[in-house]
């Protein structure tokens, strides 16, 4: 069972990034998936969730209207499109399988001018 995130990097405020998470070793299409983040010196926090089919999504207020979670069950991948990025979005972003608590290693997003 493995989750591998990618797509992080350094971006200026107002910019965009698209994170990807590739899953393997389990039946991806039956699990809802989430993104979490952890900023330096802070606890890990939930960001967004998508249902197993992709038909339902939910977001924390602080990313609503800026971030979009999506998935491709055929490719066993989940994505996080991040627009209008702010310095306070700087964090390590983690992919998470809901049910069984499987985590990826994280990908670092830094928003700075």
Protein backbone atom coordinates (compact mmCIF):
# COMPACT_ATOMS: atom_id res chain seq x y z
CA UNK A 1 0.00 0.00 0.00
CA UNK A 2 1.60 3.26 -1.10
CA UNK A 3 0.76 6.89 -1.81
CA UNK A 4 3.30 9.08 -3.60
CA UNK A 5 2.76 12.83 -3.85
CA UNK A 6 4.35 15.15 -6.37
CA UNK A 7 3.97 18.63 -7.79
CA UNK A 8 5.09 20.80 -4.91
CA UNK A 9 7.52 23.67 -5.30
CA UNK A 10 8.15 27.36 -4.88
CA UNK A 11 5.51 29.72 -6.23
CA UNK A 12 4.83 33.43 -5.88
CA UNK A 13 1.73 34.70 -4.09
CA UNK A 14 -1.23 34.56 -6.44
CA UNK A 15 0.28 31.69 -8.38
CA UNK A 16 -0.93 28.14 -8.95
CA UNK A 17 0.27 24.60 -8.41
CA UNK A 18 -1.24 21.20 -9.10
CA UNK A 19 -0.42 18.41 -6.69
CA UNK A 20 -0.73 14.77 -7.67
CA UNK A 21 -0.93 11.62 -5.59
CA UNK A 22 -0.38 8.21 -7.17
CA UNK A 23 -1.82 5.23 -5.30
CA UNK A 24 -0.84 1.59 -5.47
CA UNK A 25 -1.39 -1.64 -3.62
CA UNK A 26 -5.08 -1.26 -2.82
CA UNK A 27 -8.44 -0.90 -4.64
CA UNK A 28 -8.24 2.86 -5.10
CA UNK A 29 -11.76 3.35 -6.47
CA UNK A 30 -13.51 2.19 -3.27
CA UNK A 31 -11.87 4.70 -0.94
CA UNK A 32 -12.52 8.36 -0.39
CA UNK A 33 -9.30 10.37 -0.43
CA UNK A 34 -8.18 13.53 1.29
CA UNK A 35 -5.44 16.12 1.28
CA UNK A 36 -3.95 17.41 4.51
CA UNK A 37 -1.20 19.92 5.17
CA UNK A 38 1.24 20.75 7.93
CA UNK A 39 2.88 24.13 8.20
CA UNK A 40 6.16 24.56 10.11
CA UNK A 41 5.52 24.48 13.83
CA UNK A 42 1.84 23.66 13.43
CA UNK A 43 -0.32 20.56 13.60
CA UNK A 44 -1.40 18.70 10.49
CA UNK A 45 -4.77 19.93 9.24
CA UNK A 46 -7.40 18.61 6.88
CA UNK A 47 -7.75 20.53 3.59
CA UNK A 48 -10.16 18.72 1.25
CA UNK A 49 -11.87 15.38 0.63
CA UNK A 50 -13.31 13.59 -2.39
CA UNK A 51 -15.66 10.62 -2.37
CA UNK A 52 -14.72 7.28 -3.91
CA UNK A 53 -16.60 8.04 -7.13
CA UNK A 54 -15.50 11.65 -7.25
CA UNK A 55 -19.09 12.83 -7.12
CA UNK A 56 -18.80 14.59 -3.77
CA UNK A 57 -16.14 16.99 -2.56
CA UNK A 58 -15.69 19.08 0.53
CA UNK A 59 -13.26 21.79 1.54
CA UNK A 60 -12.11 23.69 4.57
CA UNK A 61 -13.23 27.28 4.52
CA UNK A 62 -9.72 28.62 4.14
CA UNK A 63 -9.32 26.99 0.68
CA UNK A 64 -12.89 27.19 -0.65
CA UNK A 65 -12.98 28.88 -4.05
CA UNK A 66 -9.21 28.55 -4.48
CA UNK A 67 -8.46 24.80 -4.33
CA UNK A 68 -10.10 21.99 -6.30
CA UNK A 69 -9.75 18.30 -5.46
CA UNK A 70 -10.30 15.71 -8.19
CA UNK A 71 -9.49 12.11 -8.96
CA UNK A 72 -8.94 9.71 -11.83
CA UNK A 73 -9.85 6.20 -10.71
CA UNK A 74 -8.52 4.65 -13.91
CA UNK A 75 -5.11 6.14 -13.17
CA UNK A 76 -5.41 5.59 -9.40
CA UNK A 77 -4.60 9.22 -8.76
CA UNK A 78 -5.96 12.13 -6.80
CA UNK A 79 -5.15 15.77 -7.48
CA UNK A 80 -5.25 19.13 -5.77
CA UNK A 81 -5.39 22.19 -8.01
CA UNK A 82 -4.32 25.20 -5.97
CA UNK A 83 -4.97 28.69 -7.31
CA UNK A 84 -4.55 32.16 -5.81
CA UNK A 85 -1.94 30.82 -3.45
CA UNK A 86 -1.09 32.78 -0.32
CA UNK A 87 2.01 32.73 1.88
CA UNK A 88 -0.08 31.06 4.60
CA UNK A 89 -0.61 28.10 2.26
CA UNK A 90 3.07 27.23 2.72
CA UNK A 91 3.18 23.70 4.13
CA UNK A 92 3.97 20.09 3.50
CA UNK A 93 0.96 18.62 1.71
CA UNK A 94 -0.02 15.00 2.32
CA UNK A 95 -2.29 12.63 0.47
CA UNK A 96 -4.43 10.43 2.72
CA UNK A 97 -6.56 7.37 2.20
CA UNK A 98 -9.67 7.56 4.34
CA UNK A 99 -10.19 4.26 6.15
CA UNK A 100 -7.05 2.53 7.30
CA UNK A 101 -5.20 5.86 7.58
CA UNK A 102 -2.63 5.51 4.82
CA UNK A 103 -0.36 8.52 4.28
CA UNK A 104 2.04 9.62 1.60
CA UNK A 105 5.47 11.11 2.31
CA UNK A 106 4.33 14.62 1.46
CA UNK A 107 5.27 17.29 -1.04
CA UNK A 108 6.44 20.75 0.01
CA UNK A 109 4.63 23.86 -1.18
CA UNK A 110 6.30 27.20 -0.54
CA UNK A 111 4.49 30.43 -1.39
CA UNK A 112 6.88 33.36 -1.30
CA UNK A 113 7.98 36.34 -3.32
